[in-house]
Amino acid sequence: MTGTTVTQATDPAADAASLLNLIAGGAMTQIVHAVAALNIADHLAGEPRTAKEVAAREGSNERTTFRLMRAAASLGLLSYEGEGRFGLTGMGGLLRSDTPVSLRPMALVQAAPSHWQPWGLFPEAVRKGESQAGKALGADIFDYYARPENAEMARIFSEAMGGMSAMVTQGVVAGADLEGVSTVVDVGGADGHLVLALMEARPELRGQVLDLPHAVEGAVEEAARRGLSDRFSGAAGDFFAEVPTADLHVLKTVLHDWDDDRALRILRNCRAAAGEGGRALVVEMVLAEVGTSDFATISDMAMLCVTGGVERDLDEFDALFAAAGWSRGRTYPVGGGHFGMELRAV
């Protein structure tokens, strides 16, 4: 019917309950943070235990430990086994510190001052169109982590990025076209989990991580731990200035940290280092159609708030790639809502 607006009937009580659940999202983040910080998942890894037993292991208050575990059970992180005993669910198991795919460091980072304080200024980030991390922290997020007094949190941040890498690494290793590739540079690769996994799968590959000095140290240590030091090197540097040459440049969740101008600078530096016929692999979330349920839109808000970056759709990626001298070819899902985008120099 032309000129008529149809309003869908809603249940006000249900709407209020749903909205309150969203408003309480910050409290849920802190509950997950506390479960991670108090090592609850590690304490429950062997068998279900009571809050009294967990508190004795952790050195925490018994009553408040029980209250935390009760809340964690309501969120699906723990199961209640009866007689005061709690066990781990599959989701809660991801907060263990000793699993191949651990999200414990991510839980610690997301609720730490480095991320939590900028979120307090988020409305201003939207008003002004830029991150307020500098105002909240006295430096942008990466300079904040580079400060000596923040070395421990920088280490946890690198571990968090490694945990996210683990979610997509298998898909990248299985799907990446490495025909004719003998050298790989992981640009902004932190601890180097992705390039090291590629090296483990392909004994002919030589790998390198380009990142800030504190991150490169972790990559060199990780390569040694995996017995790959003879084929690996770390390059402390600035990808805004220069990128080492290689057959393949990998950019995993790097571009989303930056606005278009700086993302373009990174891509152009990779293009200059690649030469004619060079190749790159970009791994990022890709925004879905507007109005659909899409975690990438939430991540986009986090990028705006904390790093000043942006999540993009395929059209936006293609515009960046073309401006930097790249052409996108095969694009495929690699897990965790991420996609691999294979580029060739043009």
Protein backbone atom coordinates (compact mmCIF):
# COMPACT_ATOMS: atom_id res chain seq x y z
CA MET A 1 0.00 0.00 0.00
CA THR A 2 1.71 3.18 -1.25
CA GLY A 3 2.55 5.80 1.37
CA THR A 4 1.87 3.49 4.30
CA THR A 5 4.51 2.48 6.81
CA VAL A 6 4.01 -0.99 8.26
CA THR A 7 5.42 -1.41 11.75
CA GLN A 8 6.09 -4.96 12.88
CA ALA A 9 4.37 -5.84 16.14
CA THR A 10 6.78 -6.41 18.99
CA ASP A 11 6.68 -7.61 22.56
CA PRO A 12 7.89 -4.67 24.72
CA ALA A 13 8.91 -6.96 27.58
CA ALA A 14 10.92 -9.20 25.25
CA ASP A 15 12.49 -6.16 23.59
CA ALA A 16 13.49 -4.76 26.98
CA ALA A 17 15.01 -8.09 28.02
CA SER A 18 16.98 -8.30 24.76
CA LEU A 19 18.23 -4.72 25.08
CA LEU A 20 19.22 -5.22 28.71
CA ASN A 21 21.19 -8.27 27.61
CA LEU A 22 23.10 -6.07 25.15
CA ILE A 23 23.64 -3.35 27.74
CA ALA A 24 25.14 -5.99 30.06
CA GLY A 25 27.65 -6.99 27.40
CA GLY A 26 30.45 -5.16 29.20
CA ALA A 27 29.74 -7.12 32.38
CA MET A 28 29.90 -10.36 30.39
CA THR A 29 33.28 -9.35 28.99
CA GLN A 30 34.56 -8.83 32.52
CA ILE A 31 33.17 -12.18 33.66
CA VAL A 32 35.06 -13.92 30.86
CA HIS A 33 38.11 -11.84 31.76
CA ALA A 34 37.94 -12.94 35.41
CA VAL A 35 37.53 -16.61 34.44
CA ALA A 36 40.69 -16.24 32.33
CA ALA A 37 42.66 -14.22 34.89
CA LEU A 38 41.83 -16.65 37.72
CA ASN A 39 42.77 -19.65 35.56
CA ILE A 40 39.37 -21.26 36.19
CA ALA A 41 39.51 -23.33 33.00
CA ASP A 42 42.96 -24.67 33.86
CA HIS A 43 41.80 -25.63 37.34
CA LEU A 44 38.84 -27.54 35.88
CA ALA A 45 40.77 -29.18 33.03
CA GLY A 46 41.25 -32.51 34.78
CA GLU A 47 37.84 -33.02 36.37
CA PRO A 48 34.85 -31.11 37.79
CA ARG A 49 35.65 -29.30 41.02
CA THR A 50 33.91 -27.19 43.62
CA ALA A 51 34.49 -23.48 44.03
CA LYS A 52 36.21 -24.27 47.33
CA GLU A 53 38.72 -26.51 45.54
CA VAL A 54 39.30 -23.95 42.77
CA ALA A 55 39.72 -21.15 45.29
CA ALA A 56 42.29 -23.20 47.22
CA ARG A 57 44.27 -23.82 44.01
CA GLU A 58 44.09 -20.18 42.89
CA GLY A 59 44.38 -18.51 46.29
CA SER A 60 41.11 -16.63 45.79
CA ASN A 61 38.09 -15.97 47.99
CA GLU A 62 35.85 -19.04 48.14
CA ARG A 63 32.50 -17.24 48.20
CA THR A 64 33.24 -14.83 45.35
CA THR A 65 34.90 -17.59 43.34
CA PHE A 66 31.64 -19.54 43.61
CA ARG A 67 29.66 -16.49 42.50
CA LEU A 68 31.94 -16.04 39.48
CA MET A 69 31.68 -19.71 38.54
CA ARG A 70 27.89 -19.58 38.89
CA ALA A 71 27.77 -16.60 36.52
CA ALA A 72 30.15 -18.35 34.11
CA ALA A 73 27.85 -21.38 34.11
CA SER A 74 24.90 -19.14 33.20
CA LEU A 75 26.91 -17.89 30.20
CA GLY A 76 27.73 -21.42 29.05
CA LEU A 77 31.43 -21.30 29.95
CA LEU A 78 31.03 -23.87 32.73
CA SER A 79 28.63 -26.72 33.36
CA TYR A 80 27.08 -27.44 36.73
CA GLU A 81 27.55 -31.07 37.70
CA GLY A 82 25.65 -31.00 41.01
CA GLU A 83 26.82 -31.11 44.61
CA GLY A 84 28.65 -27.82 44.16
CA ARG A 85 30.90 -29.12 41.36
CA PHE A 86 31.51 -27.29 38.09
CA GLY A 87 32.96 -28.65 34.86
CA LEU A 88 34.17 -27.18 31.57
CA THR A 89 32.06 -26.77 28.46
CA GLY A 90 33.57 -26.73 24.99
CA MET A 91 33.41 -22.95 24.97
CA GLY A 92 34.98 -22.68 28.40
CA GLY A 93 37.73 -25.05 27.32
CA LEU A 94 38.93 -22.39 24.89
CA LEU A 95 40.02 -20.38 27.95
CA ARG A 96 42.57 -23.01 28.94
CA SER A 97 46.16 -21.87 28.62
CA ASP A 98 47.47 -25.19 27.31
CA THR A 99 45.31 -25.80 24.23
CA PRO A 100 46.43 -25.35 20.59
CA VAL A 101 43.60 -22.86 20.05
CA SER A 102 43.39 -20.78 23.23
CA LEU A 103 41.35 -17.59 23.46
CA ARG A 104 42.53 -16.92 27.02
CA PRO A 105 45.01 -14.20 25.92
CA MET A 106 42.26 -12.55 23.87
CA ALA A 107 40.00 -12.47 26.94
CA LEU A 108 42.80 -10.87 28.95
CA VAL A 109 43.55 -8.28 26.26
CA GLN A 110 39.97 -7.24 25.52
CA ALA A 111 39.31 -6.34 29.16
CA ALA A 112 42.73 -4.78 29.83
CA PRO A 113 43.23 -0.98 30.00
CA SER A 114 44.76 -0.97 26.50
CA HIS A 115 41.35 -1.84 25.04
CA TRP A 116 38.88 -1.14 27.82
CA GLN A 117 39.80 2.53 28.32
CA PRO A 118 39.38 3.53 24.64
CA TRP A 119 35.93 1.92 24.65
CA GLY A 120 34.94 4.43 27.33
CA LEU A 121 35.41 7.17 24.72
CA PHE A 122 33.71 5.31 21.88
CA PRO A 123 30.93 7.87 21.23
CA GLU A 124 33.66 10.45 20.60
CA ALA A 125 35.36 8.10 18.15
CA VAL A 126 32.11 8.00 16.16
CA ARG A 127 31.55 11.77 16.41
CA LYS A 128 35.07 12.64 15.29
CA GLY A 129 35.62 9.72 12.93
CA GLU A 130 38.83 8.56 14.57
CA SER A 131 40.08 6.41 17.43
CA GLN A 132 40.32 8.01 20.84
CA ALA A 133 43.00 5.56 22.03
CA GLY A 134 45.60 8.32 22.06
CA LYS A 135 43.44 10.37 24.42
CA ALA A 136 42.71 7.37 26.65
CA LEU A 137 46.20 5.87 26.72
CA GLY A 138 48.50 8.74 25.88
CA ALA A 139 49.60 6.95 22.70
CA ASP A 140 48.11 4.92 19.89
CA ILE A 141 47.68 1.26 20.73
CA PHE A 142 50.85 0.02 19.03
CA ASP A 143 53.07 2.74 20.55
CA TYR A 144 51.44 1.91 23.89
CA TYR A 145 52.50 -1.72 23.57
CA ALA A 146 56.03 -0.67 22.56
CA ARG A 147 56.60 1.08 25.88
CA PRO A 148 58.89 -0.93 28.23
CA GLU A 149 56.42 -0.68 31.11
CA ASN A 150 53.78 -2.38 28.98
CA ALA A 151 55.98 -5.27 27.85
CA GLU A 152 53.93 -7.92 29.63
CA MET A 153 50.66 -6.75 28.09
CA ALA A 154 52.40 -6.55 24.70
CA ARG A 155 53.41 -10.19 25.15
CA ILE A 156 49.83 -11.17 25.96
CA PHE A 157 48.60 -9.19 22.95
CA SER A 158 51.00 -11.14 20.71
CA GLU A 159 49.69 -14.38 22.24
CA ALA A 160 46.13 -13.21 21.58
CA MET A 161 46.97 -12.60 17.94
CA GLY A 162 48.57 -16.04 17.86
CA GLY A 163 45.37 -17.54 19.23
CA MET A 164 43.38 -15.85 16.48
CA SER A 165 45.94 -17.10 13.97
CA ALA A 166 45.36 -20.63 15.14
CA MET A 167 41.68 -20.26 14.19
CA VAL A 168 42.57 -19.56 10.55
CA THR A 169 45.99 -21.15 10.10
CA GLN A 170 44.73 -24.59 9.15
CA GLY A 171 42.46 -23.11 6.50
CA VAL A 172 45.26 -20.96 5.08
CA VAL A 173 47.76 -23.82 5.01
CA ALA A 174 45.22 -26.08 3.30
CA GLY A 175 44.04 -23.50 0.80
CA ALA A 176 47.01 -21.30 -0.08
CA ASP A 177 48.54 -21.62 -3.53
CA LEU A 178 52.30 -21.91 -2.89
CA GLU A 179 53.29 -23.20 -6.31
CA GLY A 180 56.64 -21.66 -7.20
CA VAL A 181 57.01 -19.94 -3.82
CA SER A 182 60.30 -20.35 -1.96
CA THR A 183 60.35 -17.22 0.25
CA VAL A 184 57.52 -15.82 2.37
CA VAL A 185 57.43 -12.61 4.39
CA ASP A 186 54.73 -12.41 7.08
CA VAL A 187 54.14 -8.66 7.17
CA GLY A 188 53.18 -7.56 10.67
CA GLY A 189 53.24 -11.23 11.60
CA ALA A 190 53.75 -10.87 15.38
CA ASP A 191 54.87 -14.27 16.72
CA GLY A 192 54.93 -15.69 13.20
CA HIS A 193 52.42 -18.48 13.76
CA LEU A 194 51.09 -18.35 10.21
CA VAL A 195 54.37 -18.29 8.31
CA LEU A 196 55.84 -20.93 10.62
CA ALA A 197 52.85 -23.19 9.96
CA LEU A 198 53.39 -22.73 6.22
CA MET A 199 57.06 -23.62 6.69
CA GLU A 200 56.16 -26.76 8.64
CA ALA A 201 53.85 -27.83 5.81
CA ARG A 202 56.39 -26.98 3.07
CA PRO A 203 60.01 -27.86 3.96
CA GLU A 204 61.27 -25.91 0.92
CA LEU A 205 59.98 -22.57 2.24
CA ARG A 206 62.11 -19.93 3.89
CA GLY A 207 60.16 -17.53 6.09
CA GLN A 208 60.55 -14.13 7.68
CA VAL A 209 58.47 -11.93 9.99
CA LEU A 210 58.52 -8.15 9.62
CA ASP A 211 57.25 -6.41 12.74
CA LEU A 212 58.21 -4.15 15.62
CA PRO A 213 61.28 -5.25 17.64
CA HIS A 214 59.37 -6.65 20.64
CA ALA A 215 57.16 -8.74 18.33
CA VAL A 216 60.04 -10.03 16.20
CA GLU A 217 61.80 -11.34 19.30
CA GLY A 218 58.78 -13.52 20.00
CA ALA A 219 58.77 -14.81 16.42
CA VAL A 220 62.45 -15.77 16.59
CA GLU A 221 61.83 -17.62 19.85
CA GLU A 222 58.81 -19.42 18.39
CA ALA A 223 60.81 -20.47 15.33
CA ALA A 224 63.51 -21.90 17.60
CA ARG A 225 60.91 -23.75 19.66
CA ARG A 226 59.60 -25.38 16.48
CA GLY A 227 63.07 -26.23 15.21
CA LEU A 228 62.79 -23.90 12.20
CA SER A 229 65.54 -21.39 12.96
CA ASP A 230 67.66 -22.53 10.01
CA ARG A 231 64.95 -21.40 7.57
CA PHE A 232 63.58 -18.41 9.46
CA SER A 233 64.64 -14.84 10.22
CA GLY A 234 63.09 -11.87 11.95
CA ALA A 235 63.20 -8.36 10.51
CA ALA A 236 62.57 -5.52 12.95
CA GLY A 237 61.17 -2.68 10.92
CA ASP A 238 58.30 -0.47 9.83
CA PHE A 239 55.97 -1.72 7.09
CA PHE A 240 54.99 1.87 6.38
CA ALA A 241 58.57 2.52 5.29
CA GLU A 242 59.79 -0.64 3.57
CA VAL A 243 59.01 -4.34 3.20
CA PRO A 244 61.58 -7.08 2.47
CA THR A 245 61.47 -8.82 -0.91
CA ALA A 246 59.88 -12.25 -1.20
CA ASP A 247 57.98 -14.51 -3.57
CA LEU A 248 54.90 -14.16 -1.38
CA HIS A 249 53.88 -11.46 1.09
CA VAL A 250 51.33 -12.49 3.71
CA LEU A 251 49.15 -9.89 5.44
CA LYS A 252 46.99 -11.56 8.06
CA THR A 253 44.60 -9.24 9.92
CA VAL A 254 46.93 -6.31 9.31
CA LEU A 255 44.98 -4.09 6.93
CA HIS A 256 41.94 -3.86 9.22
CA ASP A 257 44.10 -2.11 11.83
CA TRP A 258 44.55 0.92 9.58
CA ASP A 259 42.57 3.54 7.69
CA ASP A 260 42.54 3.48 3.88
CA ASP A 261 45.55 5.77 3.44
CA ARG A 262 47.83 3.73 5.66
CA ALA A 263 46.49 0.40 4.42
CA LEU A 264 47.26 1.59 0.90
CA ARG A 265 50.80 2.50 1.94
CA ILE A 266 51.38 -1.02 3.30
CA LEU A 267 50.02 -2.60 0.12
CA ARG A 268 52.15 -0.35 -2.08
CA ASN A 269 55.28 -1.22 -0.11
CA CYS A 270 54.49 -4.91 -0.55
CA ARG A 271 53.92 -4.30 -4.25
CA ALA A 272 57.29 -2.54 -4.58
CA ALA A 273 59.02 -5.46 -2.82
CA ALA A 274 57.21 -8.08 -4.91
CA GLY A 275 58.36 -7.04 -8.36
CA GLU A 276 56.66 -8.08 -11.58
CA GLY A 277 54.57 -11.21 -11.19
CA GLY A 278 54.79 -10.98 -7.41
CA ARG A 279 52.11 -12.42 -5.18
CA ALA A 280 50.45 -11.62 -1.87
CA LEU A 281 47.94 -13.29 0.41
CA VAL A 282 45.61 -11.09 2.47
CA VAL A 283 43.65 -12.74 5.29
CA GLU A 284 40.83 -10.64 6.72
CA MET A 285 37.18 -10.65 7.69
CA VAL A 286 34.93 -9.53 4.85
CA LEU A 287 31.78 -7.57 5.63
CA ALA A 288 28.52 -9.22 4.56
CA GLU A 289 25.43 -7.45 3.26
CA VAL A 290 24.10 -4.65 5.43
CA GLY A 291 21.38 -5.80 7.80
CA THR A 292 22.56 -9.40 8.11
CA SER A 293 23.93 -10.88 11.31
CA ASP A 294 27.66 -10.27 10.90
CA PHE A 295 30.37 -10.35 13.58
CA ALA A 296 32.62 -8.36 11.24
CA THR A 297 30.44 -5.30 11.95
CA ILE A 298 31.21 -5.66 15.67
CA SER A 299 34.89 -6.04 14.88
CA ASP A 300 34.59 -2.91 12.73
CA MET A 301 33.49 -0.94 15.79
CA ALA A 302 36.45 -2.32 17.75
CA MET A 303 38.78 -1.21 14.98
CA LEU A 304 37.33 2.30 15.04
CA CYS A 305 37.55 2.44 18.82
CA VAL A 306 40.98 0.96 19.49
CA THR A 307 43.20 1.08 16.39
CA GLY A 308 41.51 3.58 14.10
CA GLY A 309 41.17 0.85 11.49
CA VAL A 310 38.22 -0.51 9.55
CA GLU A 311 36.69 -3.78 8.39
CA ARG A 312 35.86 -3.79 4.66
CA ASP A 313 33.65 -5.47 2.09
CA LEU A 314 35.04 -6.98 -1.12
CA ASP A 315 34.42 -3.85 -3.17
CA GLU A 316 36.41 -1.78 -0.67
CA PHE A 317 39.24 -4.30 -0.67
CA ASP A 318 39.32 -4.37 -4.46
CA ALA A 319 39.58 -0.58 -4.61
CA LEU A 320 42.58 -0.67 -2.27
CA PHE A 321 44.21 -3.54 -4.15
CA ALA A 322 43.82 -1.83 -7.53
CA ALA A 323 45.19 1.49 -6.23
CA ALA A 324 48.27 -0.33 -4.90
CA GLY A 325 48.96 -2.30 -8.09
CA TRP A 326 47.39 -5.62 -7.14
CA SER A 327 44.63 -7.71 -8.68
CA ARG A 328 42.51 -10.04 -6.53
CA GLY A 329 42.13 -13.60 -7.70
CA ARG A 330 40.90 -16.62 -5.78
CA THR A 331 39.07 -15.79 -2.53
CA TYR A 332 38.11 -18.52 -0.08
CA PRO A 333 37.01 -18.98 3.55
CA VAL A 334 39.76 -20.03 5.96
CA GLY A 335 37.76 -20.26 9.21
CA GLY A 336 36.80 -17.97 12.06
CA GLY A 337 34.87 -15.74 9.68
CA HIS A 338 38.05 -14.88 7.77
CA PHE A 339 38.83 -15.16 4.06
CA GLY A 340 42.02 -15.63 2.12
CA MET A 341 42.39 -13.24 -0.81
CA GLU A 342 45.13 -14.12 -3.30
CA LEU A 343 46.68 -11.15 -5.09
CA ARG A 344 48.95 -10.80 -8.09
CA ALA A 345 51.00 -7.77 -9.06
CA VAL A 346 49.76 -5.93 -12.17
